[in-house]
Amino acid sequence: MLLRQIERFLRQTDMPCTKFGRLAAQDPRFVADLRNGRIPRAATAARVEEFMQNYQETNHAH
C-alpha cells in the first residue's frame, strides 16, 4: 500500500510530510490527502514510488 510505504519513508528519512509531498508529487497536501482517503492516479503513485527509490539510493551512496 502506497501510504504505508510513504509513512515508512518519512520515519526513515525524518522528512516532513509537506516537504515529501512537494518533492514527490508537487503537492504539499499529498500525504495529508492520502491519510484522509485520497486515491492517487497510477501515474502519480508510480512517480512517488520512483522518488522514494531514487532518494534512498542517492542518500545511501554517500
PDB file of N, CA and C in Angstrom:
ATOM      1  N   MET A   1       0.842  -1.189   0.000  1.00  0.00           N
ATOM      2  CA  MET A   1       0.000   0.000   0.000  1.00  0.00           C
ATOM      3  C   MET A   1       0.884   1.248   0.000  1.00  0.00           C
ATOM      4  N   LEU A   2       0.573   2.179  -0.865  1.00  0.00           N
ATOM      5  CA  LEU A   2       1.425   3.353  -1.052  1.00  0.00           C
ATOM      6  C   LEU A   2       1.577   4.168   0.230  1.00  0.00           C
ATOM      7  N   LEU A   3       0.488   4.403   0.923  1.00  0.00           N
ATOM      8  CA  LEU A   3       0.579   5.224   2.136  1.00  0.00           C
ATOM      9  C   LEU A   3       1.508   4.586   3.168  1.00  0.00           C
ATOM     10  N   ARG A   4       1.447   3.278   3.304  1.00  0.00           N
ATOM     11  CA  ARG A   4       2.325   2.582   4.254  1.00  0.00           C
ATOM     12  C   ARG A   4       3.795   2.786   3.872  1.00  0.00           C
ATOM     13  N   GLN A   5       4.085   2.683   2.575  1.00  0.00           N
ATOM     14  CA  GLN A   5       5.457   2.904   2.097  1.00  0.00           C
ATOM     15  C   GLN A   5       5.901   4.336   2.404  1.00  0.00           C
ATOM     16  N   ILE A   6       5.005   5.282   2.167  1.00  0.00           N
ATOM     17  CA  ILE A   6       5.334   6.692   2.412  1.00  0.00           C
ATOM     18  C   ILE A   6       5.574   6.933   3.894  1.00  0.00           C
ATOM     19  N   GLU A   7       4.708   6.386   4.746  1.00  0.00           N
ATOM     20  CA  GLU A   7       4.877   6.578   6.195  1.00  0.00           C
ATOM     21  C   GLU A   7       6.227   6.017   6.656  1.00  0.00           C
ATOM     22  N   ARG A   8       6.608   4.864   6.147  1.00  0.00           N
ATOM     23  CA  ARG A   8       7.912   4.265   6.496  1.00  0.00           C
ATOM     24  C   ARG A   8       9.046   5.170   6.013  1.00  0.00           C
ATOM     25  N   PHE A   9       8.919   5.650   4.787  1.00  0.00           N
ATOM     26  CA  PHE A   9       9.925   6.551   4.217  1.00  0.00           C
ATOM     27  C   PHE A   9      10.074   7.804   5.077  1.00  0.00           C
ATOM     28  N   LEU A  10       8.951   8.382   5.494  1.00  0.00           N
ATOM     29  CA  LEU A  10       9.003   9.594   6.312  1.00  0.00           C
ATOM     30  C   LEU A  10       9.699   9.340   7.642  1.00  0.00           C
ATOM     31  N   ARG A  11       9.429   8.184   8.246  1.00  0.00           N
ATOM     32  CA  ARG A  11      10.103   7.838   9.516  1.00  0.00           C
ATOM     33  C   ARG A  11      11.599   7.645   9.287  1.00  0.00           C
ATOM     34  N   GLN A  12      11.957   6.924   8.236  1.00  0.00           N
ATOM     35  CA  GLN A  12      13.369   6.617   7.988  1.00  0.00           C
ATOM     36  C   GLN A  12      14.178   7.858   7.641  1.00  0.00           C
ATOM     37  N   THR A  13      13.580   8.791   6.927  1.00  0.00           N
ATOM     38  CA  THR A  13      14.309   9.978   6.474  1.00  0.00           C
ATOM     39  C   THR A  13      14.087  11.187   7.370  1.00  0.00           C
ATOM     40  N   ASP A  14      13.123  11.090   8.288  1.00  0.00           N
ATOM     41  CA  ASP A  14      12.760  12.207   9.158  1.00  0.00           C
ATOM     42  C   ASP A  14      12.346  13.431   8.330  1.00  0.00           C
ATOM     43  N   MET A  15      11.684  13.167   7.198  1.00  0.00           N
ATOM     44  CA  MET A  15      11.243  14.231   6.301  1.00  0.00           C
ATOM     45  C   MET A  15       9.809  14.635   6.658  1.00  0.00           C
ATOM     46  N   PRO A  16       9.543  15.925   6.749  1.00  0.00           N
ATOM     47  CA  PRO A  16       8.159  16.361   6.985  1.00  0.00           C
ATOM     48  C   PRO A  16       7.256  15.947   5.819  1.00  0.00           C
ATOM     49  N   CYS A  17       6.013  15.623   6.114  1.00  0.00           N
ATOM     50  CA  CYS A  17       5.117  15.140   5.070  1.00  0.00           C
ATOM     51  C   CYS A  17       4.846  16.203   4.010  1.00  0.00           C
ATOM     52  N   THR A  18       4.852  17.482   4.396  1.00  0.00           N
ATOM     53  CA  THR A  18       4.610  18.523   3.393  1.00  0.00           C
ATOM     54  C   THR A  18       5.787  18.639   2.425  1.00  0.00           C
ATOM     55  N   LYS A  19       6.996  18.488   2.928  1.00  0.00           N
ATOM     56  CA  LYS A  19       8.175  18.517   2.053  1.00  0.00           C
ATOM     57  C   LYS A  19       8.141  17.322   1.105  1.00  0.00           C
ATOM     58  N   PHE A  20       7.805  16.162   1.643  1.00  0.00           N
ATOM     59  CA  PHE A  20       7.702  14.974   0.799  1.00  0.00           C
ATOM     60  C   PHE A  20       6.690  15.204  -0.322  1.00  0.00           C
ATOM     61  N   GLY A  21       5.534  15.716   0.027  1.00  0.00           N
ATOM     62  CA  GLY A  21       4.507  15.967  -0.975  1.00  0.00           C
ATOM     63  C   GLY A  21       4.972  16.913  -2.059  1.00  0.00           C
ATOM     64  N   ARG A  22       5.668  17.979  -1.646  1.00  0.00           N
ATOM     65  CA  ARG A  22       6.183  18.941  -2.631  1.00  0.00           C
ATOM     66  C   ARG A  22       7.194  18.288  -3.555  1.00  0.00           C
ATOM     67  N   LEU A  23       8.121  17.524  -2.996  1.00  0.00           N
ATOM     68  CA  LEU A  23       9.186  16.927  -3.804  1.00  0.00           C
ATOM     69  C   LEU A  23       8.689  15.770  -4.669  1.00  0.00           C
ATOM     70  N   ALA A  24       7.832  14.936  -4.119  1.00  0.00           N
ATOM     71  CA  ALA A  24       7.436  13.707  -4.810  1.00  0.00           C
ATOM     72  C   ALA A  24       6.236  13.889  -5.724  1.00  0.00           C
ATOM     73  N   ALA A  25       5.322  14.775  -5.349  1.00  0.00           N
ATOM     74  CA  ALA A  25       4.065  14.874  -6.102  1.00  0.00           C
ATOM     75  C   ALA A  25       3.701  16.308  -6.469  1.00  0.00           C
ATOM     76  N   GLN A  26       4.589  17.251  -6.177  1.00  0.00           N
ATOM     77  CA  GLN A  26       4.326  18.662  -6.424  1.00  0.00           C
ATOM     78  C   GLN A  26       3.029  19.116  -5.737  1.00  0.00           C
ATOM     79  N   ASP A  27       2.774  18.534  -4.565  1.00  0.00           N
ATOM     80  CA  ASP A  27       1.555  18.852  -3.813  1.00  0.00           C
ATOM     81  C   ASP A  27       1.850  18.703  -2.322  1.00  0.00           C
ATOM     82  N   PRO A  28       2.014  19.820  -1.609  1.00  0.00           N
ATOM     83  CA  PRO A  28       2.357  19.712  -0.181  1.00  0.00           C
ATOM     84  C   PRO A  28       1.279  19.023   0.655  1.00  0.00           C
ATOM     85  N   ARG A  29       0.051  18.945   0.155  1.00  0.00           N
ATOM     86  CA  ARG A  29      -1.027  18.282   0.905  1.00  0.00           C
ATOM     87  C   ARG A  29      -1.180  16.810   0.522  1.00  0.00           C
ATOM     88  N   PHE A  30      -0.304  16.308  -0.332  1.00  0.00           N
ATOM     89  CA  PHE A  30      -0.446  14.952  -0.863  1.00  0.00           C
ATOM     90  C   PHE A  30      -0.581  13.897   0.242  1.00  0.00           C
ATOM     91  N   VAL A  31       0.334  13.898   1.216  1.00  0.00           N
ATOM     92  CA  VAL A  31       0.309  12.877   2.272  1.00  0.00           C
ATOM     93  C   VAL A  31      -0.927  13.044   3.149  1.00  0.00           C
ATOM     94  N   ALA A  32      -1.245  14.280   3.507  1.00  0.00           N
ATOM     95  CA  ALA A  32      -2.443  14.517   4.323  1.00  0.00           C
ATOM     96  C   ALA A  32      -3.692  14.038   3.587  1.00  0.00           C
ATOM     97  N   ASP A  33      -3.745  14.298   2.285  1.00  0.00           N
ATOM     98  CA  ASP A  33      -4.891  13.840   1.493  1.00  0.00           C
ATOM     99  C   ASP A  33      -4.958  12.317   1.453  1.00  0.00           C
ATOM    100  N   LEU A  34      -3.807  11.652   1.301  1.00  0.00           N
ATOM    101  CA  LEU A  34      -3.785  10.179   1.316  1.00  0.00           C
ATOM    102  C   LEU A  34      -4.293   9.659   2.660  1.00  0.00           C
ATOM    103  N   ARG A  35      -3.859  10.298   3.733  1.00  0.00           N
ATOM    104  CA  ARG A  35      -4.297   9.881   5.071  1.00  0.00           C
ATOM    105  C   ARG A  35      -5.809  10.037   5.231  1.00  0.00           C
ATOM    106  N   ASN A  36      -6.388  10.948   4.460  1.00  0.00           N
ATOM    107  CA  ASN A  36      -7.826  11.183   4.508  1.00  0.00           C
ATOM    108  C   ASN A  36      -8.579  10.413   3.436  1.00  0.00           C
ATOM    109  N   GLY A  37      -7.907   9.457   2.781  1.00  0.00           N
ATOM    110  CA  GLY A  37      -8.605   8.582   1.859  1.00  0.00           C
ATOM    111  C   GLY A  37      -8.417   8.866   0.373  1.00  0.00           C
ATOM    112  N   ARG A  38      -7.586   9.839   0.027  1.00  0.00           N
ATOM    113  CA  ARG A  38      -7.350  10.131  -1.388  1.00  0.00           C
ATOM    114  C   ARG A  38      -6.705   8.927  -2.066  1.00  0.00           C
ATOM    115  N   ILE A  39      -7.168   8.628  -3.260  1.00  0.00           N
ATOM    116  CA  ILE A  39      -6.591   7.559  -4.070  1.00  0.00           C
ATOM    117  C   ILE A  39      -5.840   8.225  -5.223  1.00  0.00           C
ATOM    118  N   PRO A  40      -4.514   8.099  -5.255  1.00  0.00           N
ATOM    119  CA  PRO A  40      -3.761   8.757  -6.335  1.00  0.00           C
ATOM    120  C   PRO A  40      -3.908   8.008  -7.658  1.00  0.00           C
ATOM    121  N   ARG A  41      -3.750   8.737  -8.745  1.00  0.00           N
ATOM    122  CA  ARG A  41      -3.720   8.097 -10.059  1.00  0.00           C
ATOM    123  C   ARG A  41      -2.502   7.186 -10.134  1.00  0.00           C
ATOM    124  N   ALA A  42      -2.570   6.220 -11.024  1.00  0.00           N
ATOM    125  CA  ALA A  42      -1.467   5.260 -11.167  1.00  0.00           C
ATOM    126  C   ALA A  42      -0.168   5.971 -11.510  1.00  0.00           C
ATOM    127  N   ALA A  43      -0.225   6.960 -12.387  1.00  0.00           N
ATOM    128  CA  ALA A  43       0.991   7.676 -12.783  1.00  0.00           C
ATOM    129  C   ALA A  43       1.584   8.436 -11.601  1.00  0.00           C
ATOM    130  N   THR A  44       0.734   9.015 -10.766  1.00  0.00           N
ATOM    131  CA  THR A  44       1.209   9.741  -9.584  1.00  0.00           C
ATOM    132  C   THR A  44       1.842   8.776  -8.591  1.00  0.00           C
ATOM    133  N   ALA A  45       1.188   7.647  -8.370  1.00  0.00           N
ATOM    134  CA  ALA A  45       1.729   6.640  -7.445  1.00  0.00           C
ATOM    135  C   ALA A  45       3.088   6.149  -7.936  1.00  0.00           C
ATOM    136  N   ALA A  46       3.208   5.917  -9.239  1.00  0.00           N
ATOM    137  CA  ALA A  46       4.480   5.445  -9.803  1.00  0.00           C
ATOM    138  C   ALA A  46       5.562   6.499  -9.623  1.00  0.00           C
ATOM    139  N   ARG A  47       5.220   7.767  -9.829  1.00  0.00           N
ATOM    140  CA  ARG A  47       6.202   8.851  -9.673  1.00  0.00           C
ATOM    141  C   ARG A  47       6.655   8.959  -8.220  1.00  0.00           C
ATOM    142  N   VAL A  48       5.720   8.808  -7.293  1.00  0.00           N
ATOM    143  CA  VAL A  48       6.046   8.882  -5.866  1.00  0.00           C
ATOM    144  C   VAL A  48       6.946   7.705  -5.465  1.00  0.00           C
ATOM    145  N   GLU A  49       6.628   6.512  -5.940  1.00  0.00           N
ATOM    146  CA  GLU A  49       7.463   5.345  -5.632  1.00  0.00           C
ATOM    147  C   GLU A  49       8.862   5.518  -6.215  1.00  0.00           C
ATOM    148  N   GLU A  50       8.932   6.051  -7.420  1.00  0.00           N
ATOM    149  CA  GLU A  50      10.237   6.287  -8.054  1.00  0.00           C
ATOM    150  C   GLU A  50      11.034   7.323  -7.261  1.00  0.00           C
ATOM    151  N   PHE A  51      10.356   8.368  -6.789  1.00  0.00           N
ATOM    152  CA  PHE A  51      11.026   9.381  -5.971  1.00  0.00           C
ATOM    153  C   PHE A  51      11.649   8.743  -4.729  1.00  0.00           C
ATOM    154  N   MET A  52      10.869   7.913  -4.032  1.00  0.00           N
ATOM    155  CA  MET A  52      11.376   7.289  -2.793  1.00  0.00           C
ATOM    156  C   MET A  52      12.577   6.397  -3.101  1.00  0.00           C
ATOM    157  N   GLN A  53      12.472   5.613  -4.171  1.00  0.00           N
ATOM    158  CA  GLN A  53      13.573   4.711  -4.541  1.00  0.00           C
ATOM    159  C   GLN A  53      14.842   5.501  -4.871  1.00  0.00           C
ATOM    160  N   ASN A  54      14.697   6.525  -5.689  1.00  0.00           N
ATOM    161  CA  ASN A  54      15.852   7.332  -6.082  1.00  0.00           C
ATOM    162  C   ASN A  54      16.434   8.088  -4.903  1.00  0.00           C
ATOM    163  N   TYR A  55      15.591   8.576  -4.009  1.00  0.00           N
ATOM    164  CA  TYR A  55      16.051   9.316  -2.837  1.00  0.00           C
ATOM    165  C   TYR A  55      16.894   8.410  -1.948  1.00  0.00           C
ATOM    166  N   GLN A  56      16.417   7.203  -1.716  1.00  0.00           N
ATOM    167  CA  GLN A  56      17.136   6.281  -0.840  1.00  0.00           C
ATOM    168  C   GLN A  56      18.446   5.822  -1.480  1.00  0.00           C
ATOM    169  N   GLU A  57      18.438   5.566  -2.782  1.00  0.00           N
ATOM    170  CA  GLU A  57      19.672   5.174  -3.472  1.00  0.00           C
ATOM    171  C   GLU A  57      20.697   6.297  -3.413  1.00  0.00           C
ATOM    172  N   THR A  58      20.252   7.515  -3.635  1.00  0.00           N
ATOM    173  CA  THR A  58      21.145   8.663  -3.619  1.00  0.00           C
ATOM    174  C   THR A  58      21.747   8.879  -2.245  1.00  0.00           C
ATOM    175  N   ASN A  59      20.941   8.745  -1.213  1.00  0.00           N
ATOM    176  CA  ASN A  59      21.422   9.023   0.134  1.00  0.00           C
ATOM    177  C   ASN A  59      22.181   7.861   0.762  1.00  0.00           C
ATOM    178  N   HIS A  60      22.036   6.657   0.237  1.00  0.00           N
ATOM    179  CA  HIS A  60      22.828   5.541   0.743  1.00  0.00           C
ATOM    180  C   HIS A  60      24.147   5.417   0.018  1.00  0.00           C
ATOM    181  N   ALA A  61      24.301   6.132  -1.081  1.00  0.00           N
ATOM    182  CA  ALA A  61      25.542   6.066  -1.857  1.00  0.00           C
ATOM    183  C   ALA A  61      26.657   6.858  -1.183  1.00  0.00           C
ATOM    184  N   HIS A  62      26.298   7.787  -0.298  1.00  0.00           N
ATOM    185  CA  HIS A  62      27.312   8.663   0.324  1.00  0.00           C
ATOM    186  C   HIS A  62      27.968   8.020   1.494  1.00  0.00           C
TER     187      HIS A  62
END
